N, C-alpha and C. Protein backbone atom coordinates (compact mmCIF):
# COMPACT_ATOMS: atom_id res chain seq x y z
N UNK A 1 7.82 -14.95 30.48
CA UNK A 1 7.43 -15.62 29.35
C UNK A 1 7.41 -15.26 28.26
N UNK A 2 8.44 -14.87 27.31
CA UNK A 2 8.34 -14.27 26.15
C UNK A 2 8.24 -15.30 25.01
N UNK A 3 7.76 -15.15 24.08
CA UNK A 3 7.38 -15.88 22.59
C UNK A 3 8.30 -14.92 21.66
N UNK A 4 8.97 -15.92 20.95
CA UNK A 4 9.58 -15.08 19.99
C UNK A 4 8.79 -15.01 18.40
N UNK A 5 8.76 -14.09 17.95
CA UNK A 5 7.87 -13.40 16.77
C UNK A 5 8.46 -14.27 15.52
N UNK A 6 7.69 -14.83 14.59
CA UNK A 6 8.15 -15.06 13.09
C UNK A 6 7.42 -14.47 12.23
N UNK A 7 7.27 -13.68 10.88
CA UNK A 7 6.50 -13.55 10.04
C UNK A 7 6.61 -14.35 8.43
N UNK A 8 5.34 -14.71 8.22
CA UNK A 8 5.38 -15.29 6.82
C UNK A 8 5.53 -14.26 5.92
N UNK A 9 6.01 -15.01 4.72
CA UNK A 9 6.44 -13.96 3.71
C UNK A 9 5.28 -12.85 3.40
N UNK A 10 3.95 -13.66 3.44
CA UNK A 10 3.17 -12.54 3.16
C UNK A 10 2.74 -11.54 3.88
N UNK A 11 3.12 -11.85 5.16
CA UNK A 11 2.63 -10.68 6.34
C UNK A 11 3.91 -9.62 6.18
N UNK A 12 5.32 -10.31 6.26
CA UNK A 12 6.08 -9.24 6.03
C UNK A 12 5.84 -8.22 5.01
N UNK A 13 5.76 -9.15 3.81
CA UNK A 13 5.34 -8.02 2.95
C UNK A 13 4.14 -6.96 2.80
N UNK A 14 3.18 -7.66 3.31
CA UNK A 14 1.68 -6.75 3.78
C UNK A 14 2.29 -5.39 4.85
N UNK A 15 3.14 -5.58 5.49
CA UNK A 15 3.71 -4.56 6.62
C UNK A 15 4.34 -3.45 6.14
N UNK A 16 5.20 -4.05 5.17
CA UNK A 16 5.99 -2.84 4.86
C UNK A 16 5.25 -2.14 3.70
N UNK A 17 4.03 -2.47 3.41
CA UNK A 17 3.23 -1.37 2.21
C UNK A 17 2.46 -0.38 3.20
N UNK A 18 2.36 -0.71 4.58
CA UNK A 18 1.50 0.28 5.24
C UNK A 18 2.46 1.74 5.76
N UNK A 19 1.27 2.50 5.96
CA UNK A 19 1.88 3.99 6.04
C UNK A 19 2.52 3.91 7.49
N UNK A 20 3.61 4.54 8.11
CA UNK A 20 4.31 4.74 9.35
C UNK A 20 3.49 4.22 10.50
N UNK A 21 2.07 5.29 10.66
CA UNK A 21 1.38 5.28 11.92
C UNK A 21 0.84 3.98 12.01
N UNK A 22 0.33 3.41 10.95
CA UNK A 22 -0.10 1.98 11.07
C UNK A 22 0.85 0.73 11.38
N UNK A 23 1.84 1.29 10.60
CA UNK A 23 2.91 0.05 11.28
C UNK A 23 3.12 0.06 12.83
N UNK A 24 3.61 1.46 13.25
CA UNK A 24 4.03 1.45 14.68
C UNK A 24 2.48 0.87 15.50
N UNK A 25 1.67 1.13 15.10
CA UNK A 25 0.56 0.44 16.02
C UNK A 25 0.49 -1.26 15.90
N UNK A 26 0.91 -1.46 14.53
CA UNK A 26 0.63 -3.15 14.51
C UNK A 26 2.17 -3.47 15.39
N UNK A 27 3.44 -2.68 15.18
CA UNK A 27 4.50 -3.41 15.75
C UNK A 27 4.15 -3.47 17.46
N UNK A 28 3.64 -2.26 17.78
CA UNK A 28 3.31 -2.24 19.15
C UNK A 28 2.34 -3.65 19.63
N UNK A 29 1.26 -3.64 18.80
CA UNK A 29 0.46 -5.10 18.89
C UNK A 29 1.12 -6.24 19.04
N UNK A 30 2.13 -6.48 18.02
CA UNK A 30 3.08 -7.88 17.92
C UNK A 30 3.65 -7.88 19.20
N UNK A 31 4.36 -6.65 19.63
CA UNK A 31 5.45 -6.68 20.95
C UNK A 31 4.17 -7.23 22.21
N UNK A 32 2.94 -6.90 22.38
CA UNK A 32 2.11 -7.33 23.22
C UNK A 32 1.88 -8.50 23.35
N UNK A 33 1.66 -9.22 21.57
CA UNK A 33 1.58 -10.39 21.57
C UNK A 33 2.64 -11.33 21.93
N UNK A 34 3.83 -11.07 21.71
CA UNK A 34 4.96 -11.79 22.17
C UNK A 34 5.24 -12.27 23.81
N UNK A 35 4.65 -11.00 24.47
CA UNK A 35 4.59 -11.35 25.83
C UNK A 35 3.29 -12.35 26.08
N UNK A 36 2.09 -12.23 25.80
CA UNK A 36 1.09 -13.04 25.86
C UNK A 36 -0.05 -13.43 24.93
N UNK A 37 0.20 -14.01 24.07
CA UNK A 37 -0.54 -14.35 22.58
C UNK A 37 -2.01 -15.09 23.25
N UNK A 38 -2.21 -15.19 24.32
CA UNK A 38 -3.38 -15.55 24.31
C UNK A 38 -4.24 -14.68 25.38
N UNK A 39 -3.67 -13.44 25.60
CA UNK A 39 -4.50 -12.43 26.26
C UNK A 39 -5.95 -12.20 25.57
N UNK A 40 -7.00 -12.64 26.16
CA UNK A 40 -8.24 -12.00 25.56
C UNK A 40 -8.47 -10.58 25.47
N UNK A 41 -7.78 -9.64 26.26
CA UNK A 41 -8.04 -8.35 25.87
C UNK A 41 -7.58 -8.09 24.83
N UNK A 42 -6.61 -8.49 23.97
CA UNK A 42 -6.20 -8.34 22.69
C UNK A 42 -5.89 -9.28 21.47
N UNK A 43 -6.97 -10.58 22.05
CA UNK A 43 -6.71 -11.32 20.75
C UNK A 43 -7.91 -12.28 21.14
N UNK A 44 -8.05 -13.03 20.20
CA UNK A 44 -9.45 -13.91 20.28
C UNK A 44 -8.92 -15.32 18.94
N UNK A 45 -9.66 -16.23 19.62
CA UNK A 45 -9.56 -17.28 18.55
C UNK A 45 -10.28 -17.57 17.54
N UNK A 46 -9.79 -17.62 16.06
CA UNK A 46 -10.76 -17.52 15.38
C UNK A 46 -11.85 -19.01 15.03
N UNK A 47 -12.86 -18.47 14.95
CA UNK A 47 -14.18 -19.26 14.67
C UNK A 47 -13.97 -20.68 13.62
N UNK A 48 -13.56 -20.19 12.59
CA UNK A 48 -13.53 -21.16 11.20
C UNK A 48 -12.01 -22.09 11.35
N UNK A 49 -11.13 -21.49 12.04
CA UNK A 49 -9.79 -22.01 12.12
C UNK A 49 -9.05 -22.32 13.75
N UNK A 50 -9.75 -23.05 14.55
CA UNK A 50 -9.33 -23.17 16.01
C UNK A 50 -8.04 -23.01 16.33
N UNK A 51 -7.07 -23.58 15.36
CA UNK A 51 -5.52 -23.31 15.69
C UNK A 51 -5.00 -21.85 15.84
N UNK A 52 -5.84 -21.08 14.84
CA UNK A 52 -5.13 -19.54 14.43
C UNK A 52 -5.92 -18.57 15.40
N UNK A 53 -5.33 -17.63 15.86
CA UNK A 53 -5.89 -16.65 16.59
C UNK A 53 -5.64 -15.09 15.71
N UNK A 54 -6.58 -14.30 16.14
CA UNK A 54 -6.85 -13.19 15.54
C UNK A 54 -6.59 -11.65 16.44
N UNK A 55 -5.66 -10.75 16.11
CA UNK A 55 -6.02 -9.24 17.20
C UNK A 55 -6.38 -8.24 15.96
N UNK A 56 -7.05 -7.37 16.60
CA UNK A 56 -7.70 -6.18 15.92
C UNK A 56 -7.04 -4.96 16.38
N UNK A 57 -6.24 -4.29 15.08
CA UNK A 57 -5.61 -3.10 15.53
C UNK A 57 -6.08 -2.09 14.25
N UNK A 58 -7.34 -1.71 14.90
CA UNK A 58 -8.25 -0.55 13.85
C UNK A 58 -8.76 -1.63 13.13
N UNK A 59 -8.90 -1.15 11.90
CA UNK A 59 -9.29 -1.92 10.81
C UNK A 59 -8.70 -2.84 10.05
N UNK A 60 -7.21 -3.10 10.76
CA UNK A 60 -6.22 -4.08 10.34
C UNK A 60 -6.62 -5.40 11.47
N UNK A 61 -6.29 -6.79 11.19
CA UNK A 61 -6.38 -7.87 11.66
C UNK A 61 -5.03 -8.66 11.45
N UNK A 62 -4.52 -9.28 12.61
CA UNK A 62 -3.37 -9.85 12.48
C UNK A 62 -3.79 -11.01 12.88
N UNK A 63 -3.71 -12.27 12.05
CA UNK A 63 -3.94 -13.57 12.24
C UNK A 63 -2.59 -14.14 12.58
N UNK A 64 -2.71 -15.03 13.36
CA UNK A 64 -1.36 -15.67 13.76
C UNK A 64 -1.96 -17.14 14.58
N UNK A 65 -0.88 -18.16 14.68
CA UNK A 65 -0.61 -19.25 15.26
C UNK A 65 0.45 -19.34 16.20
N UNK A 66 -0.08 -20.22 17.25
CA UNK A 66 0.85 -19.85 18.51
C UNK A 66 1.60 -21.84 19.01
N UNK A 67 3.07 -21.57 18.78
CA UNK A 67 3.62 -22.52 19.00
C UNK A 67 3.88 -22.83 20.20
N UNK A 68 3.42 -23.46 21.20
CA UNK A 68 3.54 -23.28 23.00
C UNK A 68 4.60 -24.28 22.96
N UNK A 69 5.04 -25.25 22.66
CA UNK A 69 5.92 -25.98 22.61
C UNK A 69 7.65 -25.20 22.56
N UNK A 70 7.68 -24.61 21.59
CA UNK A 70 8.78 -23.98 20.90
C UNK A 70 9.16 -22.17 21.10
N UNK A 71 7.70 -21.92 21.80
CA UNK A 71 7.51 -20.58 22.32
C UNK A 71 7.63 -19.53 21.12
N UNK A 72 6.94 -19.99 19.84
CA UNK A 72 6.72 -19.19 18.68
C UNK A 72 5.46 -18.59 18.67
N UNK A 73 5.34 -17.50 18.07
CA UNK A 73 4.26 -16.68 17.76
C UNK A 73 4.34 -16.40 15.87
N UNK A 74 3.71 -17.19 15.17
CA UNK A 74 3.62 -17.20 14.00
C UNK A 74 2.92 -16.37 12.93
N UNK A 75 3.17 -14.92 12.59
CA UNK A 75 2.47 -14.12 11.98
C UNK A 75 2.03 -14.53 10.65
N UNK A 76 0.77 -15.00 10.47
CA UNK A 76 0.41 -15.64 9.06
C UNK A 76 -0.31 -14.36 7.99
N UNK A 77 -1.06 -13.58 8.80
CA UNK A 77 -1.18 -12.34 7.74
C UNK A 77 -1.65 -11.25 8.36
N UNK A 78 -1.36 -10.08 7.72
CA UNK A 78 -1.77 -8.83 8.68
C UNK A 78 -2.78 -8.35 7.02
N UNK A 79 -3.94 -8.36 7.64
CA UNK A 79 -4.98 -7.64 6.45
C UNK A 79 -5.81 -6.75 6.81
N UNK A 80 -6.64 -5.94 6.19
CA UNK A 80 -7.47 -5.07 6.29
C UNK A 80 -8.62 -5.81 6.97
N UNK A 81 -9.73 -5.47 7.28
CA UNK A 81 -10.95 -5.89 7.75
C UNK A 81 -11.96 -6.82 6.52
N UNK A 82 -12.05 -6.06 5.63
CA UNK A 82 -12.37 -6.62 4.36
C UNK A 82 -11.66 -7.61 3.90
N UNK A 83 -10.48 -7.82 4.09
CA UNK A 83 -10.18 -9.35 3.42
C UNK A 83 -9.66 -10.12 4.50
N UNK A 84 -9.62 -10.04 5.64
CA UNK A 84 -8.95 -10.73 6.66
C UNK A 84 -9.65 -12.06 6.57
N UNK A 85 -11.01 -12.21 6.30
CA UNK A 85 -11.53 -13.87 6.80
C UNK A 85 -11.85 -14.53 5.72
N UNK A 86 -11.56 -13.92 4.62
CA UNK A 86 -11.66 -14.73 3.16
C UNK A 86 -10.94 -15.84 3.06
């Protein structure tokens, strides 16, 4: 049961700005999310927005929504923790 991953323009732009090590770590987490975006070990539901989920990768946060019918994980943003929840 694999999900397709789509990036928002903002998330793709932010990912390109990162260093290679961080990009590899985030890409590995996105691969895990594509297998099971609801895995409680790697993601949590956002408290302020119940339709969104978050995943922690070091000091970075991946904010995403899941479309279960179409099997899509839509990555909305990739931000450092200090800016992720604003």
